[in-house]
Amino acid sequence: MSQTEYELLNEILRAYRKSEVLFVAHELGILDKIGQQPTDSDTLAKDLELSKNGIERLLSALCAIGIVIKEKEHYTLSVDFQPYLDPDSTDYIGGLINHEIHLHKRWNKLSESVRSGKPVKQSDEPSGAADTQRFIDAMAVIGNRTAPILMKKIVFQGNEYLLDLGGGPGKYIKSFCETYPDMQVTLFDQPDTIRVAQTNLSNNQHFKNMQFISGDILKDNLGENYDVIFSSNVIHIFGPEDVQIIFDKCHRALKPGGRLLIKDFFLNDDYTGPEFSTLFSLHMLLSTDGGKCYSEKEMISLMEDSNLSYGQSVKLTESSVVIEAFK
């Protein structure tokens, strides 16, 4: 084994330590505090009721991994990371960090899921308001980053009637309406999520162009006569039989010639990459009864089984691809 391979294994072995440093700094309010103004360790220890010994060691680690900068005796967020870790920034990812902290506890039970082939999170496990809000906040961070990319890489006529299927907090329909003011959009999601989305979007200047349907994606009517159905990071929640049900419903809901756009984390044909998708598919094993990441080939086959004709695949980011099909 070469030194490079040894070092890579060591990095993999200890990768969780960096995550824990970030998680704890976020949970204890350290990043919020030093994001506001340069602060010394004595002040942080006093204001946050932490030990000086502990805070100094954590700050040293934050400096070493580049998140925090130390100048003389004062600490501040790195300029490169500040937009994402300062709560006053529009690019703040605190919601995503909170979500990952929650999911980390589930990942500690990965061996259970691998042994049983079943999730450690039961499908009938109740989700409280805090769980729903945490998930929505995380999805808002992701939507905030990828919606502008989608608008640049996928071409629309601008006057379509579009369904955002499982659209969460409404980041995508906001972008659709702001980019194409003549577009009419409908957001379909679960009742609690729809209530949050309506609150988030109620003051938007294009709110009159937005409609909302709450329901169960497998059981309830999606509406009809759509020119476009767009769905982001939803299909991986479901097994193949349920995906087929969803695609059949999409086929019925589309106008003749209508377009289905499925954005997700897809695997290559031999299921060995990309890395993000393989790890996310494991996360679906932990979290769902049948969900997984599909290969593009599998997804296209399921679309064709629902009489949808494959159009093209468009890569948005390193981990996200949009597959297009037509009725």
Protein backbone atom coordinates (compact mmCIF):
# COMPACT_ATOMS: atom_id res chain seq x y z
CA MET A 1 0.00 0.00 0.00
CA SER A 2 1.40 3.38 -0.97
CA GLN A 3 1.66 6.26 1.44
CA THR A 4 -1.10 8.07 -0.50
CA GLU A 5 -3.54 5.19 0.01
CA TYR A 6 -2.61 4.97 3.68
CA GLU A 7 -3.24 8.69 4.13
CA LEU A 8 -6.56 8.40 2.29
CA LEU A 9 -7.69 5.60 4.62
CA ASN A 10 -6.65 7.67 7.62
CA GLU A 11 -8.66 10.59 6.29
CA ILE A 12 -11.73 8.36 5.84
CA LEU A 13 -11.28 6.85 9.32
CA ARG A 14 -11.29 10.26 10.97
CA ALA A 15 -13.68 12.18 8.71
CA TYR A 16 -16.39 12.15 11.39
CA ARG A 17 -14.19 14.25 13.69
CA LYS A 18 -14.43 17.27 11.39
CA SER A 19 -18.20 16.86 11.20
CA GLU A 20 -18.41 16.74 15.00
CA VAL A 21 -16.33 19.90 15.31
CA LEU A 22 -18.72 21.74 12.98
CA PHE A 23 -21.83 20.27 14.61
CA VAL A 24 -20.77 21.19 18.15
CA ALA A 25 -19.60 24.68 17.19
CA HIS A 26 -23.01 25.25 15.59
CA GLU A 27 -25.06 23.71 18.42
CA LEU A 28 -23.24 25.67 21.14
CA GLY A 29 -23.71 28.96 19.30
CA ILE A 30 -19.99 29.55 18.78
CA LEU A 31 -20.25 30.14 15.03
CA ASP A 32 -23.15 32.55 15.47
CA LYS A 33 -21.18 34.50 18.06
CA ILE A 34 -17.96 34.89 16.12
CA GLY A 35 -19.87 35.54 12.93
CA GLN A 36 -21.14 38.77 14.42
CA GLN A 37 -17.75 40.22 15.44
CA PRO A 38 -14.22 39.08 16.34
CA THR A 39 -14.30 37.55 19.82
CA ASP A 40 -11.69 36.18 22.23
CA SER A 41 -11.94 32.83 23.96
CA ASP A 42 -12.53 34.35 27.43
CA THR A 43 -15.58 36.22 26.17
CA LEU A 44 -16.91 33.17 24.34
CA ALA A 45 -16.46 30.96 27.42
CA LYS A 46 -18.24 33.49 29.64
CA ASP A 47 -21.10 34.38 27.28
CA LEU A 48 -21.84 30.79 26.25
CA GLU A 49 -21.12 29.24 29.66
CA LEU A 50 -18.40 26.94 28.33
CA SER A 51 -15.08 25.86 29.80
CA LYS A 52 -12.11 27.93 28.63
CA ASN A 53 -10.13 24.73 28.16
CA GLY A 54 -12.82 23.19 25.95
CA ILE A 55 -13.56 26.29 23.90
CA GLU A 56 -9.89 26.90 23.12
CA ARG A 57 -9.37 23.36 21.89
CA LEU A 58 -12.50 23.52 19.74
CA LEU A 59 -11.44 26.89 18.31
CA SER A 60 -8.00 25.47 17.50
CA ALA A 61 -9.63 22.67 15.51
CA LEU A 62 -11.94 25.13 13.72
CA CYS A 63 -8.88 27.17 12.76
CA ALA A 64 -7.01 24.09 11.55
CA ILE A 65 -9.81 23.04 9.20
CA GLY A 66 -10.12 26.60 7.89
CA ILE A 67 -13.56 27.59 9.17
CA VAL A 68 -12.26 30.09 11.74
CA ILE A 69 -9.40 32.59 11.56
CA LYS A 70 -7.38 33.70 14.59
CA GLU A 71 -5.86 37.19 14.59
CA LYS A 72 -3.89 37.94 17.73
CA GLU A 73 -6.28 36.69 20.42
CA HIS A 74 -9.53 37.17 18.52
CA TYR A 75 -11.46 34.66 16.45
CA THR A 76 -13.69 35.30 13.45
CA LEU A 77 -15.26 33.27 10.66
CA SER A 78 -13.14 32.74 7.57
CA VAL A 79 -14.21 35.10 4.78
CA ASP A 80 -14.78 32.09 2.51
CA PHE A 81 -17.16 30.40 4.97
CA GLN A 82 -18.85 33.48 6.40
CA PRO A 83 -21.71 33.66 3.85
CA TYR A 84 -22.77 30.14 4.83
CA LEU A 85 -22.27 30.28 8.60
CA ASP A 86 -23.40 33.79 9.48
CA PRO A 87 -27.14 33.72 10.40
CA ASP A 88 -27.61 37.19 8.90
CA SER A 89 -26.47 36.00 5.46
CA THR A 90 -28.96 35.02 2.75
CA ASP A 91 -26.74 31.98 2.02
CA TYR A 92 -26.84 30.73 5.63
CA ILE A 93 -26.93 26.91 5.88
CA GLY A 94 -27.82 26.56 9.55
CA GLY A 95 -30.98 24.66 8.64
CA LEU A 96 -28.94 22.09 6.73
CA ILE A 97 -26.48 21.69 9.61
CA ASN A 98 -29.36 21.11 12.06
CA HIS A 99 -30.76 18.46 9.72
CA GLU A 100 -27.42 16.67 9.41
CA ILE A 101 -26.94 16.69 13.19
CA HIS A 102 -30.28 14.92 13.48
CA LEU A 103 -29.45 12.42 10.72
CA HIS A 104 -26.03 11.65 12.21
CA LYS A 105 -27.75 9.82 15.06
CA ARG A 106 -29.50 7.61 12.51
CA TRP A 107 -26.25 6.84 10.70
CA ASN A 108 -24.82 5.45 13.93
CA LYS A 109 -27.29 2.58 13.42
CA LEU A 110 -26.19 1.77 9.87
CA SER A 111 -25.09 -1.76 10.82
CA GLU A 112 -28.68 -2.52 11.91
CA SER A 113 -30.04 -1.53 8.51
CA VAL A 114 -27.37 -3.41 6.60
CA ARG A 115 -28.11 -6.56 8.60
CA SER A 116 -31.89 -6.32 8.25
CA GLY A 117 -32.22 -4.50 4.92
CA LYS A 118 -34.79 -2.29 6.64
CA PRO A 119 -34.81 1.30 7.88
CA VAL A 120 -34.08 2.22 11.47
CA LYS A 121 -36.62 5.03 11.10
CA GLN A 122 -40.06 3.44 10.93
CA SER A 123 -42.49 4.80 8.34
CA ASP A 124 -45.24 5.10 10.96
CA GLU A 125 -42.96 6.97 13.36
CA PRO A 126 -44.68 10.28 14.17
CA SER A 127 -43.01 13.51 13.09
CA GLY A 128 -43.60 16.54 15.26
CA ALA A 129 -43.73 20.18 14.20
CA ALA A 130 -40.03 20.61 15.05
CA ASP A 131 -39.09 17.65 12.81
CA THR A 132 -41.14 19.04 9.93
CA GLN A 133 -39.65 22.51 10.32
CA ARG A 134 -36.10 21.17 10.51
CA PHE A 135 -36.58 19.19 7.30
CA ILE A 136 -38.18 22.14 5.50
CA ASP A 137 -35.35 24.45 6.58
CA ALA A 138 -32.79 22.01 5.18
CA MET A 139 -34.66 21.67 1.88
CA ALA A 140 -34.86 25.46 1.64
CA VAL A 141 -31.07 25.68 1.80
CA ILE A 142 -30.71 23.14 -1.02
CA GLY A 143 -33.42 24.79 -3.11
CA ASN A 144 -31.84 28.18 -2.61
CA ARG A 145 -28.62 26.97 -4.22
CA THR A 146 -29.93 24.77 -7.02
CA ALA A 147 -33.01 26.70 -8.20
CA PRO A 148 -30.94 29.43 -9.96
CA ILE A 149 -28.85 26.73 -11.68
CA LEU A 150 -32.01 24.97 -12.84
CA MET A 151 -33.34 28.21 -14.35
CA LYS A 152 -30.12 28.61 -16.36
CA LYS A 153 -29.78 25.02 -17.59
CA ILE A 154 -33.38 24.01 -18.33
CA VAL A 155 -35.26 25.96 -21.00
CA PHE A 156 -38.91 26.89 -20.51
CA GLN A 157 -41.29 28.78 -22.79
CA GLY A 158 -42.29 30.98 -19.87
CA ASN A 159 -46.07 30.69 -20.06
CA GLU A 160 -46.50 27.06 -18.99
CA TYR A 161 -48.81 25.65 -16.36
CA LEU A 162 -46.34 23.84 -14.08
CA LEU A 163 -46.73 21.43 -11.17
CA ASP A 164 -43.94 21.32 -8.58
CA LEU A 165 -44.47 17.83 -7.18
CA GLY A 166 -43.23 17.54 -3.59
CA GLY A 167 -41.87 21.06 -3.79
CA GLY A 168 -41.33 21.59 -0.06
CA PRO A 169 -40.95 25.20 1.11
CA GLY A 170 -41.51 26.62 -2.39
CA LYS A 171 -38.01 27.75 -3.38
CA TYR A 172 -38.45 26.37 -6.88
CA ILE A 173 -41.88 27.81 -7.61
CA LYS A 174 -40.59 31.16 -6.34
CA SER A 175 -37.75 30.95 -8.87
CA PHE A 176 -40.10 29.80 -11.65
CA CYS A 177 -42.43 32.74 -11.08
CA GLU A 178 -39.69 35.33 -10.70
CA THR A 179 -37.91 34.11 -13.82
CA TYR A 180 -41.12 33.63 -15.84
CA PRO A 181 -43.82 36.06 -14.59
CA ASP A 182 -46.42 34.58 -16.97
CA MET A 183 -46.01 31.05 -15.63
CA GLN A 184 -48.80 29.53 -13.52
CA VAL A 185 -47.49 27.14 -10.87
CA THR A 186 -49.03 24.64 -8.47
CA LEU A 187 -47.17 23.21 -5.48
CA PHE A 188 -48.18 19.74 -4.29
CA ASP A 189 -46.95 18.47 -0.91
CA GLN A 190 -48.09 17.23 2.48
CA PRO A 191 -50.46 19.49 4.47
CA ASP A 192 -47.90 20.69 7.06
CA THR A 193 -45.42 21.55 4.33
CA ILE A 194 -48.02 23.37 2.27
CA ARG A 195 -48.90 25.56 5.25
CA VAL A 196 -45.24 26.55 5.65
CA ALA A 197 -44.86 27.21 1.92
CA GLN A 198 -47.97 29.41 1.81
CA THR A 199 -46.66 31.43 4.76
CA ASN A 200 -43.22 31.76 3.16
CA LEU A 201 -44.61 32.88 -0.19
CA SER A 202 -47.62 34.95 0.86
CA ASN A 203 -45.79 38.26 0.41
CA ASN A 204 -44.23 37.34 -2.93
CA GLN A 205 -45.29 39.62 -5.76
CA HIS A 206 -46.21 36.59 -7.89
CA PHE A 207 -48.32 34.87 -5.23
CA LYS A 208 -51.41 35.29 -7.40
CA ASN A 209 -49.80 32.91 -9.92
CA MET A 210 -49.33 30.20 -7.28
CA GLN A 211 -51.75 27.47 -6.29
CA PHE A 212 -51.34 24.83 -3.60
CA ILE A 213 -52.57 21.25 -3.28
CA SER A 214 -52.03 19.28 -0.08
CA GLY A 215 -52.16 15.53 -0.15
CA ASP A 216 -50.44 12.15 -0.38
CA ILE A 217 -48.41 11.75 -3.57
CA LEU A 218 -49.40 8.06 -3.88
CA LYS A 219 -53.09 8.40 -3.05
CA ASP A 220 -54.40 11.84 -3.98
CA ASN A 221 -55.19 13.65 -7.23
CA LEU A 222 -52.31 15.76 -8.53
CA GLY A 223 -54.47 18.01 -10.68
CA GLU A 224 -54.57 17.98 -14.49
CA ASN A 225 -53.65 19.68 -17.77
CA TYR A 226 -50.11 20.57 -16.77
CA ASP A 227 -47.60 21.56 -19.42
CA VAL A 228 -44.72 20.63 -17.11
CA ILE A 229 -44.36 18.52 -13.98
CA PHE A 230 -41.15 19.14 -12.06
CA SER A 231 -40.06 17.08 -9.06
CA SER A 232 -36.86 17.63 -7.10
CA ASN A 233 -35.31 15.02 -4.79
CA VAL A 234 -38.58 13.18 -4.23
CA ILE A 235 -38.36 9.96 -6.25
CA HIS A 236 -35.52 8.54 -4.13
CA ILE A 237 -37.95 8.26 -1.20
CA PHE A 238 -39.89 5.50 -2.98
CA GLY A 239 -39.31 1.96 -4.21
CA PRO A 240 -39.81 1.04 -7.90
CA GLU A 241 -43.48 0.02 -7.55
CA ASP A 242 -44.39 3.34 -5.94
CA VAL A 243 -42.30 5.28 -8.47
CA GLN A 244 -44.33 3.56 -11.19
CA ILE A 245 -47.54 4.70 -9.51
CA ILE A 246 -46.23 8.26 -9.37
CA PHE A 247 -45.17 8.25 -13.03
CA ASP A 248 -48.55 6.83 -14.08
CA LYS A 249 -50.23 9.68 -12.20
CA CYS A 250 -47.88 12.20 -13.82
CA HIS A 251 -48.75 10.80 -17.25
CA ARG A 252 -52.45 11.31 -16.55
CA ALA A 253 -51.89 14.81 -15.17
CA LEU A 254 -49.87 16.06 -18.16
CA LYS A 255 -51.29 17.49 -21.37
CA PRO A 256 -50.43 15.60 -24.56
CA GLY A 257 -46.85 16.60 -25.34
CA GLY A 258 -46.34 17.70 -21.73
CA ARG A 259 -42.96 17.38 -20.07
CA LEU A 260 -41.85 15.57 -16.91
CA LEU A 261 -38.63 16.76 -15.24
CA ILE A 262 -37.19 14.54 -12.51
CA LYS A 263 -34.28 16.00 -10.56
CA ASP A 264 -32.46 13.59 -8.30
CA PHE A 265 -29.18 11.98 -7.26
CA PHE A 266 -28.58 9.24 -9.81
CA LEU A 267 -26.12 6.33 -9.82
CA ASN A 268 -24.04 5.11 -12.72
CA ASP A 269 -25.11 1.89 -14.42
CA ASP A 270 -22.97 -0.41 -12.27
CA TYR A 271 -23.93 1.36 -9.01
CA THR A 272 -20.34 2.25 -8.05
CA GLY A 273 -20.71 6.04 -8.11
CA PRO A 274 -20.91 8.93 -7.92
CA GLU A 275 -19.81 8.90 -4.29
CA PHE A 276 -22.55 11.26 -3.10
CA SER A 277 -25.30 9.14 -4.65
CA THR A 278 -23.98 5.86 -3.22
CA LEU A 279 -23.90 7.38 0.26
CA PHE A 280 -27.32 8.94 -0.19
CA SER A 281 -28.73 5.58 -1.25
CA LEU A 282 -27.47 4.17 2.06
CA HIS A 283 -29.25 7.04 3.78
CA MET A 284 -32.47 5.95 2.06
CA LEU A 285 -31.90 2.43 3.41
CA LEU A 286 -31.72 3.94 6.90
CA SER A 287 -34.74 6.16 6.43
CA THR A 288 -37.33 4.64 4.09
CA ASP A 289 -39.15 1.36 3.47
CA GLY A 290 -38.09 1.09 -0.17
CA GLY A 291 -36.37 4.27 -1.24
CA LYS A 292 -33.00 4.34 -2.98
CA CYS A 293 -30.96 6.18 -5.55
CA TYR A 294 -31.67 4.91 -9.05
CA SER A 295 -29.42 4.76 -12.06
CA GLU A 296 -30.42 6.98 -14.96
CA LYS A 297 -31.04 3.80 -16.97
CA GLU A 298 -33.49 2.52 -14.32
CA MET A 299 -35.27 5.85 -14.15
CA ILE A 300 -35.69 6.08 -17.91
CA SER A 301 -37.04 2.51 -17.98
CA LEU A 302 -39.64 3.34 -15.32
CA MET A 303 -40.66 6.45 -17.27
CA GLU A 304 -41.06 4.43 -20.46
CA ASP A 305 -43.18 1.86 -18.61
CA SER A 306 -45.56 4.76 -17.89
CA ASN A 307 -45.65 5.69 -21.62
CA LEU A 308 -43.32 8.65 -21.14
CA SER A 309 -40.66 9.15 -23.82
CA TYR A 310 -37.12 10.00 -22.72
CA GLY A 311 -35.85 13.36 -23.90
CA GLN A 312 -32.49 14.20 -22.32
CA SER A 313 -30.46 14.25 -19.12
CA VAL A 314 -29.08 17.56 -17.87
CA LYS A 315 -26.38 17.72 -15.20
CA LEU A 316 -27.02 20.56 -12.76
CA THR A 317 -24.29 19.98 -10.17
CA GLU A 318 -21.82 17.23 -9.31
CA SER A 319 -24.59 15.38 -7.47
CA SER A 320 -27.80 16.44 -9.26
CA VAL A 321 -29.16 15.49 -12.69
CA VAL A 322 -32.50 16.32 -14.32
CA ILE A 323 -34.05 13.61 -16.52
CA GLU A 324 -36.60 14.86 -19.03
CA ALA A 325 -39.44 12.82 -20.53
CA PHE A 326 -42.51 13.66 -22.59
CA LYS A 327 -46.10 12.43 -22.77
